[in-house]
């Protein structure tokens, strides 16, 4: 009878542990989702956003360790994006991709559903769909409190293992994004400057053809 009682007790404790762990995971996910929703609401409340960032690609096995700088500014549905010396300007109608190395300007209609097109909105809101969330570590950078949220792709065939999204708790802003691929390549985007509601010149989102008279104009549509 004692052995039977002890077995029942062990099973009961095991079930309680599983239930408690499930509840903790659920609460953890809810907290993470609540934090990310707050970040989204905060970002969408700004009239415009200007960001400077660093972009680092690292893979020890392939001996890759490259860091580049970039920036973007967005207002309403217009934006200007600089990455790897290529400038992209979207004036609300047409997308202009300016490549100094090729001395070429590609002009096209932006397709928001094209996954290969990198836009500021995709960088700011990429986490809103396709991921499960859970709270991760807390890091202090000077006086900044950075809460990381671990994003795990819902798609089992995704080329990403997970993403760590660092949020500046005081301002509910994205601080850093660390993506680890299935081949262990790590891509890090670190925000250097995050400024909002700036007085912007209207010409910022206008493509000035006169500046690129010697460039080849590749008009796609």
C-alpha atoms as a PDB file:
ATOM      1  CA  UNK A   1       0.000   0.000   0.000  1.00  0.00           C
ATOM      2  CA  UNK A   2       2.895   2.343   0.789  1.00  0.00           C
ATOM      3  CA  UNK A   3       4.528   1.711  -2.582  1.00  0.00           C
ATOM      4  CA  UNK A   4       1.204   2.337  -4.345  1.00  0.00           C
ATOM      5  CA  UNK A   5       0.669   5.534  -2.358  1.00  0.00           C
ATOM      6  CA  UNK A   6       4.216   6.768  -3.052  1.00  0.00           C
ATOM      7  CA  UNK A   7       3.795   6.060  -6.772  1.00  0.00           C
ATOM      8  CA  UNK A   8       0.541   8.031  -6.858  1.00  0.00           C
ATOM      9  CA  UNK A   9       2.278  10.871  -5.038  1.00  0.00           C
ATOM     10  CA  UNK A  10       5.183  10.930  -7.508  1.00  0.00           C
ATOM     11  CA  UNK A  11       2.789  10.898 -10.489  1.00  0.00           C
ATOM     12  CA  UNK A  12       0.726  13.685  -8.938  1.00  0.00           C
ATOM     13  CA  UNK A  13       3.824  15.831  -8.323  1.00  0.00           C
ATOM     14  CA  UNK A  14       4.986  15.155 -11.885  1.00  0.00           C
ATOM     15  CA  UNK A  15       1.615  16.285 -13.293  1.00  0.00           C
ATOM     16  CA  UNK A  16       1.655  19.404 -11.090  1.00  0.00           C
ATOM     17  CA  UNK A  17       5.182  20.225 -12.314  1.00  0.00           C
ATOM     18  CA  UNK A  18       4.109  19.886 -15.962  1.00  0.00           C
ATOM     19  CA  UNK A  19       1.021  22.054 -15.430  1.00  0.00           C
ATOM     20  CA  UNK A  20       3.037  24.681 -13.533  1.00  0.00           C
ATOM     21  CA  UNK A  21       5.678  24.751 -16.279  1.00  0.00           C
ATOM     22  CA  UNK A  22       2.997  25.099 -18.988  1.00  0.00           C
ATOM     23  CA  UNK A  23       1.364  27.975 -17.114  1.00  0.00           C
ATOM     24  CA  UNK A  24       4.764  29.668 -16.648  1.00  0.00           C
ATOM     25  CA  UNK A  25       5.547  29.319 -20.372  1.00  0.00           C
ATOM     26  CA  UNK A  26       2.112  30.683 -21.259  1.00  0.00           C
ATOM     27  CA  UNK A  27       2.563  33.671 -18.941  1.00  0.00           C
ATOM     28  CA  UNK A  28       6.074  34.200 -20.324  1.00  0.00           C
ATOM     29  CA  UNK A  29       4.709  34.245 -23.890  1.00  0.00           C
ATOM     30  CA  UNK A  30       1.921  36.644 -22.924  1.00  0.00           C
ATOM     31  CA  UNK A  31       4.433  39.043 -21.332  1.00  0.00           C
ATOM     32  CA  UNK A  32       6.630  38.893 -24.435  1.00  0.00           C
ATOM     33  CA  UNK A  33       3.698  39.527 -26.768  1.00  0.00           C
ATOM     34  CA  UNK A  34       2.476  42.395 -24.588  1.00  0.00           C
ATOM     35  CA  UNK A  35       5.934  44.005 -24.706  1.00  0.00           C
ATOM     36  CA  UNK A  36       6.193  43.680 -28.499  1.00  0.00           C
ATOM     37  CA  UNK A  37       2.680  45.090 -28.953  1.00  0.00           C
ATOM     38  CA  UNK A  38       3.730  48.085 -26.880  1.00  0.00           C
ATOM     39  CA  UNK A  39       6.793  48.575 -29.113  1.00  0.00           C
ATOM     40  CA  UNK A  40       4.606  48.431 -32.252  1.00  0.00           C
ATOM     41  CA  UNK A  41       2.092  50.927 -30.863  1.00  0.00           C
ATOM     42  CA  UNK A  42       4.894  53.246 -29.844  1.00  0.00           C
ATOM     43  CA  UNK A  43       6.596  53.156 -33.259  1.00  0.00           C
ATOM     44  CA  UNK A  44       3.303  53.684 -35.126  1.00  0.00           C
ATOM     45  CA  UNK A  45       2.558  56.786 -33.053  1.00  0.00           C
ATOM     46  CA  UNK A  46       5.517  58.721 -34.495  1.00  0.00           C
ATOM     47  CA  UNK A  47       5.135  61.118 -37.412  1.00  0.00           C
ATOM     48  CA  UNK A  48       8.515  60.087 -38.781  1.00  0.00           C
ATOM     49  CA  UNK A  49      11.500  57.989 -37.728  1.00  0.00           C
ATOM     50  CA  UNK A  50      15.205  58.386 -38.464  1.00  0.00           C
ATOM     51  CA  UNK A  51      17.590  55.564 -37.561  1.00  0.00           C
ATOM     52  CA  UNK A  52      21.345  54.996 -37.879  1.00  0.00           C
ATOM     53  CA  UNK A  53      22.450  51.416 -37.341  1.00  0.00           C
ATOM     54  CA  UNK A  54      25.307  48.949 -37.725  1.00  0.00           C
ATOM     55  CA  UNK A  55      24.878  45.669 -39.582  1.00  0.00           C
ATOM     56  CA  UNK A  56      27.215  42.802 -38.613  1.00  0.00           C
ATOM     57  CA  UNK A  57      27.514  39.402 -40.278  1.00  0.00           C
ATOM     58  CA  UNK A  58      29.422  36.729 -38.322  1.00  0.00           C
ATOM     59  CA  UNK A  59      30.221  33.053 -38.949  1.00  0.00           C
ATOM     60  CA  UNK A  60      33.322  31.613 -37.266  1.00  0.00           C
ATOM     61  CA  UNK A  61      33.437  28.463 -39.425  1.00  0.00           C
ATOM     62  CA  UNK A  62      33.351  30.480 -42.659  1.00  0.00           C
ATOM     63  CA  UNK A  63      35.728  33.105 -41.191  1.00  0.00           C
ATOM     64  CA  UNK A  64      33.221  35.894 -41.840  1.00  0.00           C
ATOM     65  CA  UNK A  65      33.096  38.958 -39.612  1.00  0.00           C
ATOM     66  CA  UNK A  66      31.866  42.040 -41.464  1.00  0.00           C
ATOM     67  CA  UNK A  67      30.330  45.234 -40.090  1.00  0.00           C
ATOM     68  CA  UNK A  68      28.695  47.949 -42.186  1.00  0.00           C
ATOM     69  CA  UNK A  69      26.795  51.114 -41.331  1.00  0.00           C
ATOM     70  CA  UNK A  70      23.381  52.053 -42.619  1.00  0.00           C
ATOM     71  CA  UNK A  71      20.481  54.420 -42.063  1.00  0.00           C
ATOM     72  CA  UNK A  72      16.857  54.930 -42.927  1.00  0.00           C
ATOM     73  CA  UNK A  73      14.186  57.559 -42.549  1.00  0.00           C
ATOM     74  CA  UNK A  74      10.478  56.953 -42.976  1.00  0.00           C
ATOM     75  CA  UNK A  75       7.409  59.200 -42.959  1.00  0.00           C
ATOM     76  CA  UNK A  76       3.898  58.018 -43.858  1.00  0.00           C
ATOM     77  CA  UNK A  77       4.366  55.696 -46.833  1.00  0.00           C
ATOM     78  CA  UNK A  78       7.599  57.341 -48.001  1.00  0.00           C
ATOM     79  CA  UNK A  79      11.089  56.256 -47.055  1.00  0.00           C
ATOM     80  CA  UNK A  80      14.802  56.476 -47.790  1.00  0.00           C
ATOM     81  CA  UNK A  81      17.058  53.552 -46.978  1.00  0.00           C
ATOM     82  CA  UNK A  82      20.866  53.279 -47.181  1.00  0.00           C
ATOM     83  CA  UNK A  83      22.593  49.908 -46.865  1.00  0.00           C
ATOM     84  CA  UNK A  84      25.927  48.601 -48.217  1.00  0.00           C
ATOM     85  CA  UNK A  85      26.411  51.874 -50.158  1.00  0.00           C
ATOM     86  CA  UNK A  86      23.140  51.360 -52.039  1.00  0.00           C
ATOM     87  CA  UNK A  87      20.439  54.020 -51.586  1.00  0.00           C
ATOM     88  CA  UNK A  88      16.762  53.232 -52.042  1.00  0.00           C
ATOM     89  CA  UNK A  89      14.125  55.967 -52.186  1.00  0.00           C
ATOM     90  CA  UNK A  90      10.400  55.300 -52.223  1.00  0.00           C
ATOM     91  CA  UNK A  91       8.364  58.430 -52.966  1.00  0.00           C
ATOM     92  CA  UNK A  92       5.007  56.764 -52.410  1.00  0.00           C
ATOM     93  CA  UNK A  93       4.708  55.698 -56.054  1.00  0.00           C
ATOM     94  CA  UNK A  94       8.055  54.555 -57.417  1.00  0.00           C
ATOM     95  CA  UNK A  95      11.086  52.838 -55.920  1.00  0.00           C
ATOM     96  CA  UNK A  96      14.503  54.176 -56.948  1.00  0.00           C
ATOM     97  CA  UNK A  97      17.517  51.962 -56.250  1.00  0.00           C
ATOM     98  CA  UNK A  98      20.786  53.866 -56.680  1.00  0.00           C
ATOM     99  CA  UNK A  99      23.985  51.816 -57.008  1.00  0.00           C
ATOM    100  CA  UNK A 100      27.200  53.919 -57.246  1.00  0.00           C
ATOM    101  CA  UNK A 101      29.342  50.823 -57.924  1.00  0.00           C
ATOM    102  CA  UNK A 102      27.287  49.970 -61.008  1.00  0.00           C
ATOM    103  CA  UNK A 103      26.516  53.605 -61.851  1.00  0.00           C
ATOM    104  CA  UNK A 104      22.935  52.501 -62.289  1.00  0.00           C
ATOM    105  CA  UNK A 105      19.512  53.588 -61.076  1.00  0.00           C
ATOM    106  CA  UNK A 106      16.757  50.968 -61.137  1.00  0.00           C
ATOM    107  CA  UNK A 107      13.234  52.404 -61.215  1.00  0.00           C
ATOM    108  CA  UNK A 108      10.278  50.178 -60.379  1.00  0.00           C
ATOM    109  CA  UNK A 109       6.915  49.939 -58.686  1.00  0.00           C
ATOM    110  CA  UNK A 110       7.338  48.695 -55.148  1.00  0.00           C
ATOM    111  CA  UNK A 111       5.600  45.415 -54.393  1.00  0.00           C
ATOM    112  CA  UNK A 112       4.982  45.288 -50.610  1.00  0.00           C
ATOM    113  CA  UNK A 113       4.418  41.516 -50.829  1.00  0.00           C
ATOM    114  CA  UNK A 114       7.851  40.873 -52.353  1.00  0.00           C
ATOM    115  CA  UNK A 115       9.816  39.174 -49.562  1.00  0.00           C
ATOM    116  CA  UNK A 116      13.152  40.030 -51.187  1.00  0.00           C
ATOM    117  CA  UNK A 117      12.492  43.774 -50.931  1.00  0.00           C
ATOM    118  CA  UNK A 118      13.999  45.219 -47.750  1.00  0.00           C
ATOM    119  CA  UNK A 119      12.017  48.179 -46.447  1.00  0.00           C
ATOM    120  CA  UNK A 120      12.097  50.164 -43.181  1.00  0.00           C
ATOM    121  CA  UNK A 121       8.660  48.821 -42.276  1.00  0.00           C
ATOM    122  CA  UNK A 122       9.896  45.249 -42.566  1.00  0.00           C
ATOM    123  CA  UNK A 123      12.766  46.124 -40.239  1.00  0.00           C
ATOM    124  CA  UNK A 124      10.485  47.826 -37.722  1.00  0.00           C
ATOM    125  CA  UNK A 125       7.580  45.358 -37.705  1.00  0.00           C
ATOM    126  CA  UNK A 126       9.050  42.036 -38.868  1.00  0.00           C
ATOM    127  CA  UNK A 127       8.159  40.352 -35.569  1.00  0.00           C
ATOM    128  CA  UNK A 128       4.396  40.938 -35.829  1.00  0.00           C
ATOM    129  CA  UNK A 129       3.709  37.745 -37.813  1.00  0.00           C
ATOM    130  CA  UNK A 130       5.185  34.263 -38.100  1.00  0.00           C
ATOM    131  CA  UNK A 131       6.840  33.878 -34.699  1.00  0.00           C
ATOM    132  CA  UNK A 132       6.226  32.437 -31.263  1.00  0.00           C
ATOM    133  CA  UNK A 133       7.514  34.638 -28.437  1.00  0.00           C
ATOM    134  CA  UNK A 134       9.167  34.100 -25.088  1.00  0.00           C
ATOM    135  CA  UNK A 135      10.995  36.400 -22.700  1.00  0.00           C
ATOM    136  CA  UNK A 136      14.774  35.975 -22.639  1.00  0.00           C
ATOM    137  CA  UNK A 137      17.631  37.667 -20.775  1.00  0.00           C
ATOM    138  CA  UNK A 138      17.806  41.207 -19.411  1.00  0.00           C
ATOM    139  CA  UNK A 139      20.916  43.220 -20.216  1.00  0.00           C
ATOM    140  CA  UNK A 140      22.044  46.572 -18.840  1.00  0.00           C
ATOM    141  CA  UNK A 141      23.930  48.898 -21.183  1.00  0.00           C
ATOM    142  CA  UNK A 142      24.950  51.852 -19.038  1.00  0.00           C
ATOM    143  CA  UNK A 143      21.631  52.988 -17.583  1.00  0.00           C
ATOM    144  CA  UNK A 144      19.599  51.331 -20.314  1.00  0.00           C
ATOM    145  CA  UNK A 145      17.609  48.249 -19.397  1.00  0.00           C
ATOM    146  CA  UNK A 146      17.357  45.978 -22.427  1.00  0.00           C
ATOM    147  CA  UNK A 147      14.801  43.163 -22.303  1.00  0.00           C
ATOM    148  CA  UNK A 148      15.368  40.505 -24.960  1.00  0.00           C
ATOM    149  CA  UNK A 149      12.501  38.578 -26.475  1.00  0.00           C
ATOM    150  CA  UNK A 150      13.231  35.290 -28.236  1.00  0.00           C
ATOM    151  CA  UNK A 151      11.354  34.871 -31.524  1.00  0.00           C
ATOM    152  CA  UNK A 152      11.026  31.319 -32.814  1.00  0.00           C
ATOM    153  CA  UNK A 153       9.768  30.866 -36.399  1.00  0.00           C
ATOM    154  CA  UNK A 154       6.461  29.029 -36.716  1.00  0.00           C
ATOM    155  CA  UNK A 155       7.609  27.684 -40.080  1.00  0.00           C
ATOM    156  CA  UNK A 156       9.583  24.495 -39.423  1.00  0.00           C
ATOM    157  CA  UNK A 157      11.380  24.964 -42.762  1.00  0.00           C
ATOM    158  CA  UNK A 158      12.582  28.477 -41.931  1.00  0.00           C
ATOM    159  CA  UNK A 159      16.260  29.234 -42.445  1.00  0.00           C
ATOM    160  CA  UNK A 160      16.310  30.988 -39.067  1.00  0.00           C
ATOM    161  CA  UNK A 161      16.809  29.150 -35.772  1.00  0.00           C
ATOM    162  CA  UNK A 162      15.660  32.093 -33.684  1.00  0.00           C
ATOM    163  CA  UNK A 163      15.903  35.862 -33.285  1.00  0.00           C
ATOM    164  CA  UNK A 164      16.715  37.799 -30.133  1.00  0.00           C
ATOM    165  CA  UNK A 165      14.983  41.172 -30.185  1.00  0.00           C
ATOM    166  CA  UNK A 166      16.333  43.643 -27.630  1.00  0.00           C
ATOM    167  CA  UNK A 167      13.887  46.282 -26.409  1.00  0.00           C
ATOM    168  CA  UNK A 168      14.849  49.472 -24.577  1.00  0.00           C
ATOM    169  CA  UNK A 169      12.327  49.251 -21.745  1.00  0.00           C
ATOM    170  CA  UNK A 170      12.294  52.976 -20.893  1.00  0.00           C
ATOM    171  CA  UNK A 171      11.326  54.088 -24.393  1.00  0.00           C
ATOM    172  CA  UNK A 172       9.702  50.866 -25.730  1.00  0.00           C
ATOM    173  CA  UNK A 173      12.030  50.996 -28.737  1.00  0.00           C
ATOM    174  CA  UNK A 174      13.999  48.384 -30.611  1.00  0.00           C
ATOM    175  CA  UNK A 175      17.635  48.437 -29.476  1.00  0.00           C
ATOM    176  CA  UNK A 176      19.165  45.398 -31.157  1.00  0.00           C
ATOM    177  CA  UNK A 177      18.185  42.457 -33.365  1.00  0.00           C
ATOM    178  CA  UNK A 178      20.323  39.288 -33.314  1.00  0.00           C
ATOM    179  CA  UNK A 179      19.363  36.627 -35.848  1.00  0.00           C
ATOM    180  CA  UNK A 180      20.881  33.127 -35.759  1.00  0.00           C
ATOM    181  CA  UNK A 181      20.482  31.053 -38.912  1.00  0.00           C
ATOM    182  CA  UNK A 182      20.345  27.271 -39.245  1.00  0.00           C
ATOM    183  CA  UNK A 183      23.942  27.408 -40.540  1.00  0.00           C
ATOM    184  CA  UNK A 184      24.908  29.334 -37.360  1.00  0.00           C
ATOM    185  CA  UNK A 185      25.499  32.576 -39.248  1.00  0.00           C
ATOM    186  CA  UNK A 186      24.687  35.426 -36.878  1.00  0.00           C
ATOM    187  CA  UNK A 187      23.343  38.714 -38.197  1.00  0.00           C
ATOM    188  CA  UNK A 188      23.190  41.642 -35.780  1.00  0.00           C
ATOM    189  CA  UNK A 189      21.507  44.990 -36.337  1.00  0.00           C
ATOM    190  CA  UNK A 190      22.352  47.454 -33.571  1.00  0.00           C
ATOM    191  CA  UNK A 191      20.573  50.806 -33.355  1.00  0.00           C
ATOM    192  CA  UNK A 192      23.057  53.672 -32.963  1.00  0.00           C
ATOM    193  CA  UNK A 193      20.619  56.616 -33.191  1.00  0.00           C
ATOM    194  CA  UNK A 194      16.828  56.502 -32.972  1.00  0.00           C
ATOM    195  CA  UNK A 195      15.233  59.905 -33.582  1.00  0.00           C
ATOM    196  CA  UNK A 196      11.578  60.728 -34.139  1.00  0.00           C
ATOM    197  CA  UNK A 197       9.308  63.554 -35.283  1.00  0.00           C
ATOM    198  CA  UNK A 198      12.071  65.518 -36.973  1.00  0.00           C
ATOM    199  CA  UNK A 199      11.465  68.507 -39.321  1.00  0.00           C
ATOM    200  CA  UNK A 200      12.160  66.822 -42.671  1.00  0.00           C
ATOM    201  CA  UNK A 201      12.732  68.414 -46.061  1.00  0.00           C
ATOM    202  CA  UNK A 202      10.191  67.277 -48.661  1.00  0.00           C
ATOM    203  CA  UNK A 203      13.048  66.771 -51.125  1.00  0.00           C
ATOM    204  CA  UNK A 204      14.385  63.971 -48.913  1.00  0.00           C
ATOM    205  CA  UNK A 205      12.024  61.500 -50.586  1.00  0.00           C
ATOM    206  CA  UNK A 206      12.373  62.914 -54.102  1.00  0.00           C
ATOM    207  CA  UNK A 207      14.667  61.322 -56.668  1.00  0.00           C
ATOM    208  CA  UNK A 208      16.759  64.058 -58.325  1.00  0.00           C
ATOM    209  CA  UNK A 209      17.554  62.770 -61.808  1.00  0.00           C
ATOM    210  CA  UNK A 210      20.009  65.630 -62.422  1.00  0.00           C
ATOM    211  CA  UNK A 211      22.401  64.200 -59.853  1.00  0.00           C
ATOM    212  CA  UNK A 212      22.667  60.948 -61.814  1.00  0.00           C
ATOM    213  CA  UNK A 213      22.904  62.134 -65.418  1.00  0.00           C
ATOM    214  CA  UNK A 214      25.829  59.775 -66.073  1.00  0.00           C
ATOM    215  CA  UNK A 215      24.064  56.745 -64.582  1.00  0.00           C
ATOM    216  CA  UNK A 216      22.240  54.115 -66.604  1.00  0.00           C
ATOM    217  CA  UNK A 217      18.481  54.327 -65.959  1.00  0.00           C
ATOM    218  CA  UNK A 218      17.080  50.823 -65.711  1.00  0.00           C
ATOM    219  CA  UNK A 219      13.299  51.366 -65.877  1.00  0.00           C
ATOM    220  CA  UNK A 220      11.493  48.123 -65.054  1.00  0.00           C
ATOM    221  CA  UNK A 221       7.904  49.397 -65.210  1.00  0.00           C
END
